[in-house]
Structures are given as structure tokens and as C-alpha cells.
């Protein structure tokens, strides 16, 4: 399962970078979304996958930190924080792209460079 998630994250990073190198702002936003999701998959995979294991140890029960019977709660908390931050960044980027499109009338980066003075 770890190998499949690592391959999926690599494909998503590569696709996101490819989309960000395109000339359109819409493809730039799609690339940012893909890279954000790929980063979340990397965090999720690095936290370890334990199917059906609780994130908290019951009171009075002593377990070793490396015990695979419990899930580490830190990676899901980091992923939730990353989702909120990426949503804010994507929303801000969409507003900037919309404003640039209204001002210039195109989303092609090469045509936008010709408007610089």
C-alpha cells in the first residue's frame, strides 16, 4: 500500500508541475491543487498506515510508541491544517487570476508579458 501511495504522490507532483509550466492561468491553478493533494498524500503515507487502529491509547493502558496497534494522530492533524491553508491559497489565486483576466482580457502568460511597460 505504501508503494502505491508513493507512486500516486509522485505522479500527482509530476502532473502538477507539468500543469504549472503551461501558459494558462487555469492550468496553473489546477497544478497548485494537484501539488497540494500530493503533499497531503506524502504526509499521510509518512505517518504510517494502520487499518482499524485508534489514534488514542485508552486510559491505564501502557503501550510502546512503536506499537503498530495505534495510529499516530499527528499526520491527520497536519493534513487538516494543510487542507485549510491550500484552500486559502487556491481561493486567493483564483481571485487574482480573475482580476488579471478582467484587466487584460486573456489568461495566456505570453500575451500578458506584452502589456508590461
PDB file of N, CA and C in Angstrom:
ATOM      1  N   UNK A   1       0.816  -1.199   0.000  1.00  0.00           N
ATOM      2  CA  UNK A   1       0.000   0.000   0.000  1.00  0.00           C
ATOM      3  C   UNK A   1       0.862   1.267   0.000  1.00  0.00           C
ATOM      4  N   UNK A   2       1.991   1.204   0.735  1.00  0.00           N
ATOM      5  CA  UNK A   2       2.877   2.365   0.766  1.00  0.00           C
ATOM      6  C   UNK A   2       3.452   2.651  -0.616  1.00  0.00           C
ATOM      7  N   UNK A   3       3.780   1.602  -1.342  1.00  0.00           N
ATOM      8  CA  UNK A   3       4.344   1.785  -2.681  1.00  0.00           C
ATOM      9  C   UNK A   3       3.328   2.426  -3.616  1.00  0.00           C
ATOM     10  N   UNK A   4       2.089   1.987  -3.538  1.00  0.00           N
ATOM     11  CA  UNK A   4       1.040   2.554  -4.387  1.00  0.00           C
ATOM     12  C   UNK A   4       0.814   4.027  -4.070  1.00  0.00           C
ATOM     13  N   UNK A   5       0.790   4.377  -2.796  1.00  0.00           N
ATOM     14  CA  UNK A   5       0.608   5.784  -2.429  1.00  0.00           C
ATOM     15  C   UNK A   5       1.820   6.629  -2.820  1.00  0.00           C
ATOM     16  N   UNK A   6       3.022   6.068  -2.720  1.00  0.00           N
ATOM     17  CA  UNK A   6       4.217   6.804  -3.142  1.00  0.00           C
ATOM     18  C   UNK A   6       4.195   7.058  -4.645  1.00  0.00           C
ATOM     19  N   UNK A   7       3.779   6.065  -5.411  1.00  0.00           N
ATOM     20  CA  UNK A   7       3.680   6.247  -6.869  1.00  0.00           C
ATOM     21  C   UNK A   7       2.609   7.275  -7.200  1.00  0.00           C
ATOM     22  N   UNK A   8       1.472   7.201  -6.505  1.00  0.00           N
ATOM     23  CA  UNK A   8       0.392   8.164  -6.747  1.00  0.00           C
ATOM     24  C   UNK A   8       0.848   9.583  -6.425  1.00  0.00           C
ATOM     25  N   UNK A   9       1.572   9.760  -5.316  1.00  0.00           N
ATOM     26  CA  UNK A   9       2.069  11.088  -4.960  1.00  0.00           C
ATOM     27  C   UNK A   9       3.070  11.592  -5.994  1.00  0.00           C
ATOM     28  N   UNK A  10       3.955  10.718  -6.474  1.00  0.00           N
ATOM     29  CA  UNK A  10       4.916  11.121  -7.500  1.00  0.00           C
ATOM     30  C   UNK A  10       4.247  11.528  -8.792  1.00  0.00           C
ATOM     31  N   UNK A  11       3.243  10.770  -9.202  1.00  0.00           N
ATOM     32  CA  UNK A  11       2.502  11.112 -10.434  1.00  0.00           C
ATOM     33  C   UNK A  11       1.771  12.441 -10.262  1.00  0.00           C
ATOM     34  N   UNK A  12       1.201  12.651  -9.084  1.00  0.00           N
ATOM     35  CA  UNK A  12       0.479  13.915  -8.844  1.00  0.00           C
ATOM     36  C   UNK A  12       1.441  15.103  -8.804  1.00  0.00           C
ATOM     37  N   UNK A  13       2.620  14.936  -8.188  1.00  0.00           N
ATOM     38  CA  UNK A  13       3.618  16.011  -8.204  1.00  0.00           C
ATOM     39  C   UNK A  13       4.055  16.319  -9.638  1.00  0.00           C
ATOM     40  N   UNK A  14       4.341  15.273 -10.415  1.00  0.00           N
ATOM     41  CA  UNK A  14       4.776  15.482 -11.795  1.00  0.00           C
ATOM     42  C   UNK A  14       3.675  16.148 -12.622  1.00  0.00           C
ATOM     43  N   UNK A  15       2.441  15.704 -12.451  1.00  0.00           N
ATOM     44  CA  UNK A  15       1.331  16.306 -13.192  1.00  0.00           C
ATOM     45  C   UNK A  15       1.118  17.757 -12.778  1.00  0.00           C
ATOM     46  N   UNK A  16       1.242  18.026 -11.481  1.00  0.00           N
ATOM     47  CA  UNK A  16       1.091  19.394 -11.003  1.00  0.00           C
ATOM     48  C   UNK A  16       2.163  20.318 -11.544  1.00  0.00           C
ATOM     49  N   UNK A  17       3.402  19.853 -11.555  1.00  0.00           N
ATOM     50  CA  UNK A  17       4.473  20.679 -12.123  1.00  0.00           C
ATOM     51  C   UNK A  17       4.283  20.900 -13.621  1.00  0.00           C
ATOM     52  N   UNK A  18       3.857  19.854 -14.325  1.00  0.00           N
ATOM     53  CA  UNK A  18       3.603  19.991 -15.761  1.00  0.00           C
ATOM     54  C   UNK A  18       2.511  21.031 -16.006  1.00  0.00           C
ATOM     55  N   UNK A  19       1.451  20.974 -15.216  1.00  0.00           N
ATOM     56  CA  UNK A  19       0.358  21.930 -15.398  1.00  0.00           C
ATOM     57  C   UNK A  19       0.799  23.348 -15.040  1.00  0.00           C
ATOM     58  N   UNK A  20       1.670  23.485 -14.045  1.00  0.00           N
ATOM     59  CA  UNK A  20       2.118  24.823 -13.664  1.00  0.00           C
ATOM     60  C   UNK A  20       3.036  25.450 -14.712  1.00  0.00           C
ATOM     61  N   UNK A  21       3.699  24.629 -15.516  1.00  0.00           N
ATOM     62  CA  UNK A  21       4.586  25.160 -16.552  1.00  0.00           C
ATOM     63  C   UNK A  21       3.861  25.501 -17.840  1.00  0.00           C
ATOM     64  N   UNK A  22       2.580  25.278 -17.913  1.00  0.00           N
ATOM     65  CA  UNK A  22       1.792  25.642 -19.085  1.00  0.00           C
ATOM     66  C   UNK A  22       1.585  27.151 -19.104  1.00  0.00           C
ATOM     67  N   UNK A  23       1.051  27.682 -20.196  1.00  0.00           N
ATOM     68  CA  UNK A  23       0.926  29.124 -20.343  1.00  0.00           C
ATOM     69  C   UNK A  23      -0.378  29.682 -19.805  1.00  0.00           C
ATOM     70  N   UNK A  24      -1.297  28.877 -19.382  1.00  0.00           N
ATOM     71  CA  UNK A  24      -2.605  29.348 -18.951  1.00  0.00           C
ATOM     72  C   UNK A  24      -2.674  29.445 -17.431  1.00  0.00           C
ATOM     73  N   UNK A  25      -3.376  30.462 -16.957  1.00  0.00           N
ATOM     74  CA  UNK A  25      -3.561  30.612 -15.517  1.00  0.00           C
ATOM     75  C   UNK A  25      -4.450  29.513 -14.944  1.00  0.00           C
ATOM     76  N   UNK A  26      -5.420  29.054 -15.712  1.00  0.00           N
ATOM     77  CA  UNK A  26      -6.302  27.990 -15.245  1.00  0.00           C
ATOM     78  C   UNK A  26      -5.495  26.716 -14.992  1.00  0.00           C
ATOM     79  N   UNK A  27      -4.576  26.413 -15.878  1.00  0.00           N
ATOM     80  CA  UNK A  27      -3.718  25.244 -15.684  1.00  0.00           C
ATOM     81  C   UNK A  27      -2.776  25.434 -14.502  1.00  0.00           C
ATOM     82  N   UNK A  28      -2.381  26.664 -14.234  1.00  0.00           N
ATOM     83  CA  UNK A  28      -1.569  26.962 -13.061  1.00  0.00           C
ATOM     84  C   UNK A  28      -2.335  26.627 -11.785  1.00  0.00           C
ATOM     85  N   UNK A  29      -3.596  26.993 -11.730  1.00  0.00           N
ATOM     86  CA  UNK A  29      -4.414  26.706 -10.550  1.00  0.00           C
ATOM     87  C   UNK A  29      -4.605  25.202 -10.388  1.00  0.00           C
ATOM     88  N   UNK A  30      -4.859  24.501 -11.479  1.00  0.00           N
ATOM     89  CA  UNK A  30      -5.006  23.043 -11.412  1.00  0.00           C
ATOM     90  C   UNK A  30      -3.710  22.403 -10.920  1.00  0.00           C
ATOM     91  N   UNK A  31      -2.570  22.910 -11.366  1.00  0.00           N
ATOM     92  CA  UNK A  31      -1.283  22.408 -10.909  1.00  0.00           C
ATOM     93  C   UNK A  31      -1.072  22.639  -9.415  1.00  0.00           C
ATOM     94  N   UNK A  32      -1.488  23.810  -8.911  1.00  0.00           N
ATOM     95  CA  UNK A  32      -1.386  24.077  -7.475  1.00  0.00           C
ATOM     96  C   UNK A  32      -2.246  23.109  -6.673  1.00  0.00           C
ATOM     97  N   UNK A  33      -3.433  22.814  -7.167  1.00  0.00           N
ATOM     98  CA  UNK A  33      -4.320  21.874  -6.474  1.00  0.00           C
ATOM     99  C   UNK A  33      -3.686  20.485  -6.438  1.00  0.00           C
ATOM    100  N   UNK A  34      -3.139  20.043  -7.574  1.00  0.00           N
ATOM    101  CA  UNK A  34      -2.524  18.713  -7.629  1.00  0.00           C
ATOM    102  C   UNK A  34      -1.321  18.606  -6.691  1.00  0.00           C
ATOM    103  N   UNK A  35      -0.500  19.637  -6.642  1.00  0.00           N
ATOM    104  CA  UNK A  35       0.665  19.601  -5.766  1.00  0.00           C
ATOM    105  C   UNK A  35       0.235  19.611  -4.293  1.00  0.00           C
ATOM    106  N   UNK A  36      -0.811  20.354  -3.968  1.00  0.00           N
ATOM    107  CA  UNK A  36      -1.315  20.346  -2.600  1.00  0.00           C
ATOM    108  C   UNK A  36      -1.831  18.980  -2.182  1.00  0.00           C
ATOM    109  N   UNK A  37      -2.571  18.313  -3.078  1.00  0.00           N
ATOM    110  CA  UNK A  37      -3.075  16.978  -2.764  1.00  0.00           C
ATOM    111  C   UNK A  37      -1.933  15.963  -2.668  1.00  0.00           C
ATOM    112  N   UNK A  38      -0.938  16.109  -3.522  1.00  0.00           N
ATOM    113  CA  UNK A  38       0.203  15.193  -3.471  1.00  0.00           C
ATOM    114  C   UNK A  38       0.967  15.349  -2.150  1.00  0.00           C
ATOM    115  N   UNK A  39       1.112  16.581  -1.684  1.00  0.00           N
ATOM    116  CA  UNK A  39       1.786  16.802  -0.395  1.00  0.00           C
ATOM    117  C   UNK A  39       0.990  16.162   0.741  1.00  0.00           C
ATOM    118  N   UNK A  40      -0.324  16.230   0.673  1.00  0.00           N
ATOM    119  CA  UNK A  40      -1.155  15.588   1.704  1.00  0.00           C
ATOM    120  C   UNK A  40      -0.984  14.073   1.677  1.00  0.00           C
ATOM    121  N   UNK A  41      -0.883  13.486   0.497  1.00  0.00           N
ATOM    122  CA  UNK A  41      -0.672  12.038   0.393  1.00  0.00           C
ATOM    123  C   UNK A  41       0.692  11.644   0.969  1.00  0.00           C
ATOM    124  N   UNK A  42       1.710  12.481   0.733  1.00  0.00           N
ATOM    125  CA  UNK A  42       3.038  12.189   1.283  1.00  0.00           C
ATOM    126  C   UNK A  42       3.009  12.230   2.808  1.00  0.00           C
ATOM    127  N   UNK A  43       2.340  13.219   3.381  1.00  0.00           N
ATOM    128  CA  UNK A  43       2.237  13.302   4.841  1.00  0.00           C
ATOM    129  C   UNK A  43       1.477  12.096   5.387  1.00  0.00           C
ATOM    130  N   UNK A  44       0.389  11.729   4.714  1.00  0.00           N
ATOM    131  CA  UNK A  44      -0.419  10.592   5.145  1.00  0.00           C
ATOM    132  C   UNK A  44       0.385   9.300   5.094  1.00  0.00           C
ATOM    133  N   UNK A  45       1.153   9.113   4.036  1.00  0.00           N
ATOM    134  CA  UNK A  45       1.953   7.901   3.890  1.00  0.00           C
ATOM    135  C   UNK A  45       3.095   7.854   4.902  1.00  0.00           C
ATOM    136  N   UNK A  46       3.714   8.987   5.157  1.00  0.00           N
ATOM    137  CA  UNK A  46       4.834   9.001   6.104  1.00  0.00           C
ATOM    138  C   UNK A  46       4.382   8.733   7.535  1.00  0.00           C
ATOM    139  N   UNK A  47       3.108   8.980   7.832  1.00  0.00           N
ATOM    140  CA  UNK A  47       2.595   8.735   9.170  1.00  0.00           C
ATOM    141  C   UNK A  47       2.371   7.271   9.474  1.00  0.00           C
ATOM    142  N   UNK A  48       2.400   6.449   8.467  1.00  0.00           N
ATOM    143  CA  UNK A  48       2.167   5.026   8.675  1.00  0.00           C
ATOM    144  C   UNK A  48       0.692   4.690   8.561  1.00  0.00           C
ATOM    145  N   UNK A  49       0.417   3.574   7.940  1.00  0.00           N
ATOM    146  CA  UNK A  49      -0.962   3.154   7.741  1.00  0.00           C
ATOM    147  C   UNK A  49      -1.261   1.982   8.653  1.00  0.00           C
ATOM    148  N   UNK A  50      -2.203   2.158   9.543  1.00  0.00           N
ATOM    149  CA  UNK A  50      -2.642   1.100  10.431  1.00  0.00           C
ATOM    150  C   UNK A  50      -4.155   1.006  10.283  1.00  0.00           C
ATOM    151  N   UNK A  51      -4.623  -0.061   9.680  1.00  0.00           N
ATOM    152  CA  UNK A  51      -6.046  -0.206   9.411  1.00  0.00           C
ATOM    153  C   UNK A  51      -6.810  -0.537  10.690  1.00  0.00           C
ATOM    154  N   UNK A  52      -7.844   0.259  10.976  1.00  0.00           N
ATOM    155  CA  UNK A  52      -8.728  -0.006  12.103  1.00  0.00           C
ATOM    156  C   UNK A  52      -8.144   0.260  13.473  1.00  0.00           C
ATOM    157  N   UNK A  53      -7.026   0.956  13.546  1.00  0.00           N
ATOM    158  CA  UNK A  53      -6.398   1.223  14.844  1.00  0.00           C
ATOM    159  C   UNK A  53      -6.821   2.602  15.344  1.00  0.00           C
ATOM    160  N   UNK A  54      -7.104   2.722  16.634  1.00  0.00           N
ATOM    161  CA  UNK A  54      -7.493   4.027  17.170  1.00  0.00           C
ATOM    162  C   UNK A  54      -6.292   4.966  17.264  1.00  0.00           C
ATOM    163  N   UNK A  55      -6.573   6.245  17.304  1.00  0.00           N
ATOM    164  CA  UNK A  55      -5.498   7.229  17.409  1.00  0.00           C
ATOM    165  C   UNK A  55      -5.125   7.521  18.863  1.00  0.00           C
ATOM    166  N   UNK A  56      -5.949   7.109  19.791  1.00  0.00           N
ATOM    167  CA  UNK A  56      -5.694   7.377  21.203  1.00  0.00           C
ATOM    168  C   UNK A  56      -5.533   6.077  21.980  1.00  0.00           C
ATOM    169  N   UNK A  57      -4.656   6.103  22.973  1.00  0.00           N
ATOM    170  CA  UNK A  57      -4.445   4.941  23.840  1.00  0.00           C
ATOM    171  C   UNK A  57      -5.434   5.050  25.002  1.00  0.00           C
ATOM    172  N   UNK A  58      -6.166   3.995  25.305  1.00  0.00           N
ATOM    173  CA  UNK A  58      -7.110   4.051  26.432  1.00  0.00           C
ATOM    174  C   UNK A  58      -6.391   4.318  27.753  1.00  0.00           C
ATOM    175  N   UNK A  59      -7.100   4.942  28.680  1.00  0.00           N
ATOM    176  CA  UNK A  59      -6.522   5.304  29.982  1.00  0.00           C
ATOM    177  C   UNK A  59      -6.120   4.048  30.749  1.00  0.00           C
ATOM    178  N   UNK A  60      -4.953   4.100  31.357  1.00  0.00           N
ATOM    179  CA  UNK A  60      -4.467   2.995  32.168  1.00  0.00           C
ATOM    180  C   UNK A  60      -3.767   1.903  31.388  1.00  0.00           C
ATOM    181  N   UNK A  61      -3.653   2.048  30.094  1.00  0.00           N
ATOM    182  CA  UNK A  61      -3.005   1.025  29.272  1.00  0.00           C
ATOM    183  C   UNK A  61      -1.650   1.556  28.814  1.00  0.00           C
ATOM    184  N   UNK A  62      -0.604   0.809  29.076  1.00  0.00           N
ATOM    185  CA  UNK A  62       0.742   1.236  28.709  1.00  0.00           C
ATOM    186  C   UNK A  62       1.144   0.541  27.414  1.00  0.00           C
ATOM    187  N   UNK A  63       1.521   1.305  26.420  1.00  0.00           N
ATOM    188  CA  UNK A  63       1.984   0.779  25.131  1.00  0.00           C
ATOM    189  C   UNK A  63       3.281   1.463  24.745  1.00  0.00           C
ATOM    190  N   UNK A  64       4.067   0.775  23.996  1.00  0.00           N
ATOM    191  CA  UNK A  64       5.298   1.352  23.478  1.00  0.00           C
ATOM    192  C   UNK A  64       4.956   2.284  22.322  1.00  0.00           C
ATOM    193  N   UNK A  65       5.773   3.314  22.090  1.00  0.00           N
ATOM    194  CA  UNK A  65       5.487   4.241  20.987  1.00  0.00           C
ATOM    195  C   UNK A  65       5.532   3.571  19.614  1.00  0.00           C
ATOM    196  N   UNK A  66       6.301   2.509  19.466  1.00  0.00           N
ATOM    197  CA  UNK A  66       6.421   1.841  18.171  1.00  0.00           C
ATOM    198  C   UNK A  66       5.387   0.733  17.990  1.00  0.00           C
ATOM    199  N   UNK A  67       4.435   0.631  18.892  1.00  0.00           N
ATOM    200  CA  UNK A  67       3.427  -0.415  18.805  1.00  0.00           C
ATOM    201  C   UNK A  67       2.514  -0.152  17.605  1.00  0.00           C
ATOM    202  N   UNK A  68       2.394  -1.101  16.685  1.00  0.00           N
ATOM    203  CA  UNK A  68       1.579  -0.859  15.488  1.00  0.00           C
ATOM    204  C   UNK A  68       0.082  -0.938  15.745  1.00  0.00           C
ATOM    205  N   UNK A  69      -0.333  -1.140  16.980  1.00  0.00           N
ATOM    206  CA  UNK A  69      -1.760  -1.250  17.261  1.00  0.00           C
ATOM    207  C   UNK A  69      -2.437   0.112  17.384  1.00  0.00           C
ATOM    208  N   UNK A  70      -1.658   1.190  17.358  1.00  0.00           N
ATOM    209  CA  UNK A  70      -2.228   2.521  17.475  1.00  0.00           C
ATOM    210  C   UNK A  70      -1.709   3.414  16.362  1.00  0.00           C
ATOM    211  N   UNK A  71      -2.552   4.300  15.900  1.00  0.00           N
ATOM    212  CA  UNK A  71      -2.217   5.219  14.818  1.00  0.00           C
ATOM    213  C   UNK A  71      -1.664   6.517  15.395  1.00  0.00           C
ATOM    214  N   UNK A  72      -0.687   7.086  14.728  1.00  0.00           N
ATOM    215  CA  UNK A  72      -0.136   8.377  15.138  1.00  0.00           C
ATOM    216  C   UNK A  72      -1.133   9.470  14.756  1.00  0.00           C
ATOM    217  N   UNK A  73      -1.604  10.294  15.701  1.00  0.00           N
ATOM    218  CA  UNK A  73      -2.608  11.311  15.372  1.00  0.00           C
ATOM    219  C   UNK A  73      -2.033  12.583  14.747  1.00  0.00           C
ATOM    220  N   UNK A  74      -0.717  12.735  14.722  1.00  0.00           N
ATOM    221  CA  UNK A  74      -0.124  13.966  14.199  1.00  0.00           C
ATOM    222  C   UNK A  74      -0.296  14.125  12.681  1.00  0.00           C
ATOM    223  N   UNK A  75      -0.052  13.106  11.842  1.00  0.00           N
ATOM    224  CA  UNK A  75      -0.226  13.306  10.400  1.00  0.00           C
ATOM    225  C   UNK A  75      -1.647  13.718   9.979  1.00  0.00           C
ATOM    226  N   UNK A  76      -2.716  13.120  10.524  1.00  0.00           N
ATOM    227  CA  UNK A  76      -4.037  13.632  10.142  1.00  0.00           C
ATOM    228  C   UNK A  76      -4.264  15.089  10.550  1.00  0.00           C
ATOM    229  N   UNK A  77      -3.709  15.490  11.694  1.00  0.00           N
ATOM    230  CA  UNK A  77      -3.839  16.891  12.115  1.00  0.00           C
ATOM    231  C   UNK A  77      -3.077  17.811  11.157  1.00  0.00           C
ATOM    232  N   UNK A  78      -1.894  17.397  10.726  1.00  0.00           N
ATOM    233  CA  UNK A  78      -1.140  18.191   9.756  1.00  0.00           C
ATOM    234  C   UNK A  78      -1.859  18.268   8.420  1.00  0.00           C
ATOM    235  N   UNK A  79      -2.487  17.175   8.009  1.00  0.00           N
ATOM    236  CA  UNK A  79      -3.207  17.166   6.737  1.00  0.00           C
ATOM    237  C   UNK A  79      -4.407  18.100   6.795  1.00  0.00           C
ATOM    238  N   UNK A  80      -5.138  18.101   7.910  1.00  0.00           N
ATOM    239  CA  UNK A  80      -6.273  19.023   8.032  1.00  0.00           C
ATOM    240  C   UNK A  80      -5.815  20.469   7.960  1.00  0.00           C
ATOM    241  N   UNK A  81      -4.701  20.780   8.610  1.00  0.00           N
ATOM    242  CA  UNK A  81      -4.158  22.133   8.539  1.00  0.00           C
ATOM    243  C   UNK A  81      -3.729  22.473   7.114  1.00  0.00           C
ATOM    244  N   UNK A  82      -3.105  21.525   6.434  1.00  0.00           N
ATOM    245  CA  UNK A  82      -2.662  21.758   5.059  1.00  0.00           C
ATOM    246  C   UNK A  82      -3.842  21.956   4.110  1.00  0.00           C
ATOM    247  N   UNK A  83      -4.932  21.254   4.353  1.00  0.00           N
ATOM    248  CA  UNK A  83      -6.123  21.428   3.511  1.00  0.00           C
ATOM    249  C   UNK A  83      -6.667  22.842   3.644  1.00  0.00           C
ATOM    250  N   UNK A  84      -6.731  23.348   4.867  1.00  0.00           N
ATOM    251  CA  UNK A  84      -7.239  24.702   5.091  1.00  0.00           C
ATOM    252  C   UNK A  84      -6.321  25.738   4.444  1.00  0.00           C
ATOM    253  N   UNK A  85      -5.023  25.569   4.607  1.00  0.00           N
ATOM    254  CA  UNK A  85      -4.077  26.524   4.027  1.00  0.00           C
ATOM    255  C   UNK A  85      -4.118  26.471   2.506  1.00  0.00           C
ATOM    256  N   UNK A  86      -4.165  25.278   1.924  1.00  0.00           N
ATOM    257  CA  UNK A  86      -4.210  25.183   0.459  1.00  0.00           C
ATOM    258  C   UNK A  86      -5.519  25.741  -0.090  1.00  0.00           C
ATOM    259  N   UNK A  87      -6.627  25.571   0.639  1.00  0.00           N
ATOM    260  CA  UNK A  87      -7.886  26.176   0.200  1.00  0.00           C
ATOM    261  C   UNK A  87      -7.770  27.694   0.156  1.00  0.00           C
ATOM    262  N   UNK A  88      -7.134  28.282   1.169  1.00  0.00           N
ATOM    263  CA  UNK A  88      -6.960  29.736   1.188  1.00  0.00           C
ATOM    264  C   UNK A  88      -6.059  30.203   0.049  1.00  0.00           C
ATOM    265  N   UNK A  89      -4.990  29.480  -0.209  1.00  0.00           N
ATOM    266  CA  UNK A  89      -4.074  29.867  -1.281  1.00  0.00           C
ATOM    267  C   UNK A  89      -4.747  29.748  -2.643  1.00  0.00           C
ATOM    268  N   UNK A  90      -5.480  28.669  -2.862  1.00  0.00           N
ATOM    269  CA  UNK A  90      -6.166  28.475  -4.136  1.00  0.00           C
ATOM    270  C   UNK A  90      -7.242  29.539  -4.328  1.00  0.00           C
ATOM    271  N   UNK A  91      -7.982  29.855  -3.273  1.00  0.00           N
ATOM    272  CA  UNK A  91      -9.019  30.887  -3.370  1.00  0.00           C
ATOM    273  C   UNK A  91      -8.409  32.238  -3.720  1.00  0.00           C
ATOM    274  N   UNK A  92      -7.319  32.580  -3.076  1.00  0.00           N
ATOM    275  CA  UNK A  92      -6.644  33.844  -3.361  1.00  0.00           C
ATOM    276  C   UNK A  92      -6.109  33.869  -4.790  1.00  0.00           C
ATOM    277  N   UNK A  93      -5.561  32.753  -5.242  1.00  0.00           N
ATOM    278  CA  UNK A  93      -5.052  32.673  -6.609  1.00  0.00           C
ATOM    279  C   UNK A  93      -6.172  32.832  -7.625  1.00  0.00           C
ATOM    280  N   UNK A  94      -7.309  32.228  -7.363  1.00  0.00           N
ATOM    281  CA  UNK A  94      -8.448  32.364  -8.285  1.00  0.00           C
ATOM    282  C   UNK A  94      -8.905  33.810  -8.374  1.00  0.00           C
ATOM    283  N   UNK A  95      -8.932  34.523  -7.250  1.00  0.00           N
ATOM    284  CA  UNK A  95      -9.323  35.933  -7.259  1.00  0.00           C
ATOM    285  C   UNK A  95      -8.320  36.758  -8.064  1.00  0.00           C
ATOM    286  N   UNK A  96      -7.021  36.486  -7.865  1.00  0.00           N
ATOM    287  CA  UNK A  96      -6.003  37.221  -8.627  1.00  0.00           C
ATOM    288  C   UNK A  96      -6.103  36.946 -10.127  1.00  0.00           C
ATOM    289  N   UNK A  97      -6.332  35.691 -10.491  1.00  0.00           N
ATOM    290  CA  UNK A  97      -6.449  35.336 -11.906  1.00  0.00           C
ATOM    291  C   UNK A  97      -7.676  35.996 -12.520  1.00  0.00           C
ATOM    292  N   UNK A  98      -8.773  36.001 -11.794  1.00  0.00           N
ATOM    293  CA  UNK A  98      -9.997  36.634 -12.305  1.00  0.00           C
ATOM    294  C   UNK A  98      -9.771  38.129 -12.526  1.00  0.00           C
ATOM    295  N   UNK A  99      -9.114  38.780 -11.586  1.00  0.00           N
ATOM    296  CA  UNK A  99      -8.842  40.220 -11.716  1.00  0.00           C
ATOM    297  C   UNK A  99      -7.885  40.497 -12.878  1.00  0.00           C
ATOM    298  N   UNK A 100      -6.884  39.679 -13.052  1.00  0.00           N
ATOM    299  CA  UNK A 100      -5.950  39.857 -14.167  1.00  0.00           C
ATOM    300  C   UNK A 100      -6.669  39.626 -15.497  1.00  0.00           C
ATOM    301  N   UNK A 101      -7.565  38.659 -15.542  1.00  0.00           N
ATOM    302  CA  UNK A 101      -8.306  38.397 -16.777  1.00  0.00           C
ATOM    303  C   UNK A 101      -9.233  39.570 -17.101  1.00  0.00           C
ATOM    304  N   UNK A 102      -9.858  40.165 -16.088  1.00  0.00           N
ATOM    305  CA  UNK A 102     -10.718  41.316 -16.333  1.00  0.00           C
ATOM    306  C   UNK A 102      -9.919  42.515 -16.827  1.00  0.00           C
ATOM    307  N   UNK A 103      -8.715  42.705 -16.306  1.00  0.00           N
ATOM    308  CA  UNK A 103      -7.907  43.863 -16.684  1.00  0.00           C
ATOM    309  C   UNK A 103      -7.292  43.712 -18.067  1.00  0.00           C
ATOM    310  N   UNK A 104      -6.840  42.508 -18.412  1.00  0.00           N
ATOM    311  CA  UNK A 104      -6.094  42.315 -19.649  1.00  0.00           C
ATOM    312  C   UNK A 104      -6.932  41.643 -20.725  1.00  0.00           C
ATOM    313  N   UNK A 105      -7.828  40.756 -20.336  1.00  0.00           N
ATOM    314  CA  UNK A 105      -8.687  40.093 -21.309  1.00  0.00           C
ATOM    315  C   UNK A 105      -8.155  38.773 -21.825  1.00  0.00           C
ATOM    316  N   UNK A 106      -7.099  38.263 -21.225  1.00  0.00           N
ATOM    317  CA  UNK A 106      -6.551  36.971 -21.637  1.00  0.00           C
ATOM    318  C   UNK A 106      -5.942  36.268 -20.427  1.00  0.00           C
ATOM    319  N   UNK A 107      -5.826  34.947 -20.518  1.00  0.00           N
ATOM    320  CA  UNK A 107      -5.140  34.222 -19.452  1.00  0.00           C
ATOM    321  C   UNK A 107      -3.837  33.611 -19.944  1.00  0.00           C
ATOM    322  N   UNK A 108      -3.407  33.977 -21.134  1.00  0.00           N
ATOM    323  CA  UNK A 108      -2.151  33.489 -21.696  1.00  0.00           C
ATOM    324  C   UNK A 108      -0.998  34.336 -21.162  1.00  0.00           C
ATOM    325  N   UNK A 109      -0.020  33.692 -20.560  1.00  0.00           N
ATOM    326  CA  UNK A 109       1.087  34.426 -19.944  1.00  0.00           C
ATOM    327  C   UNK A 109       1.951  35.171 -20.976  1.00  0.00           C
ATOM    328  N   UNK A 110       2.117  34.619 -22.174  1.00  0.00           N
ATOM    329  CA  UNK A 110       2.916  35.288 -23.194  1.00  0.00           C
ATOM    330  C   UNK A 110       2.244  36.584 -23.643  1.00  0.00           C
ATOM    331  N   UNK A 111       0.950  36.602 -23.746  1.00  0.00           N
ATOM    332  CA  UNK A 111       0.254  37.829 -24.124  1.00  0.00           C
ATOM    333  C   UNK A 111       0.243  38.839 -22.980  1.00  0.00           C
ATOM    334  N   UNK A 112       0.320  38.365 -21.759  1.00  0.00           N
ATOM    335  CA  UNK A 112       0.374  39.293 -20.612  1.00  0.00           C
ATOM    336  C   UNK A 112       1.720  39.984 -20.535  1.00  0.00           C
ATOM    337  N   UNK A 113       2.779  39.325 -20.966  1.00  0.00           N
ATOM    338  CA  UNK A 113       4.109  39.955 -20.941  1.00  0.00           C
ATOM    339  C   UNK A 113       4.185  41.124 -21.901  1.00  0.00           C
ATOM    340  N   UNK A 114       3.395  41.093 -22.963  1.00  0.00           N
ATOM    341  CA  UNK A 114       3.430  42.187 -23.934  1.00  0.00           C
ATOM    342  C   UNK A 114       2.751  43.439 -23.395  1.00  0.00           C
ATOM    343  N   UNK A 115       2.021  43.332 -22.288  1.00  0.00           N
ATOM    344  CA  UNK A 115       1.371  44.508 -21.700  1.00  0.00           C
ATOM    345  C   UNK A 115       2.255  45.212 -20.686  1.00  0.00           C
ATOM    346  N   UNK A 116       3.440  44.647 -20.350  1.00  0.00           N
ATOM    347  CA  UNK A 116       4.340  45.298 -19.412  1.00  0.00           C
ATOM    348  C   UNK A 116       4.915  46.553 -20.052  1.00  0.00           C
ATOM    349  N   UNK A 117       5.102  47.550 -19.218  1.00  0.00           N
ATOM    350  CA  UNK A 117       5.639  48.817 -19.738  1.00  0.00           C
ATOM    351  C   UNK A 117       6.907  49.173 -19.035  1.00  0.00           C
TER     352      UNK A 117
END
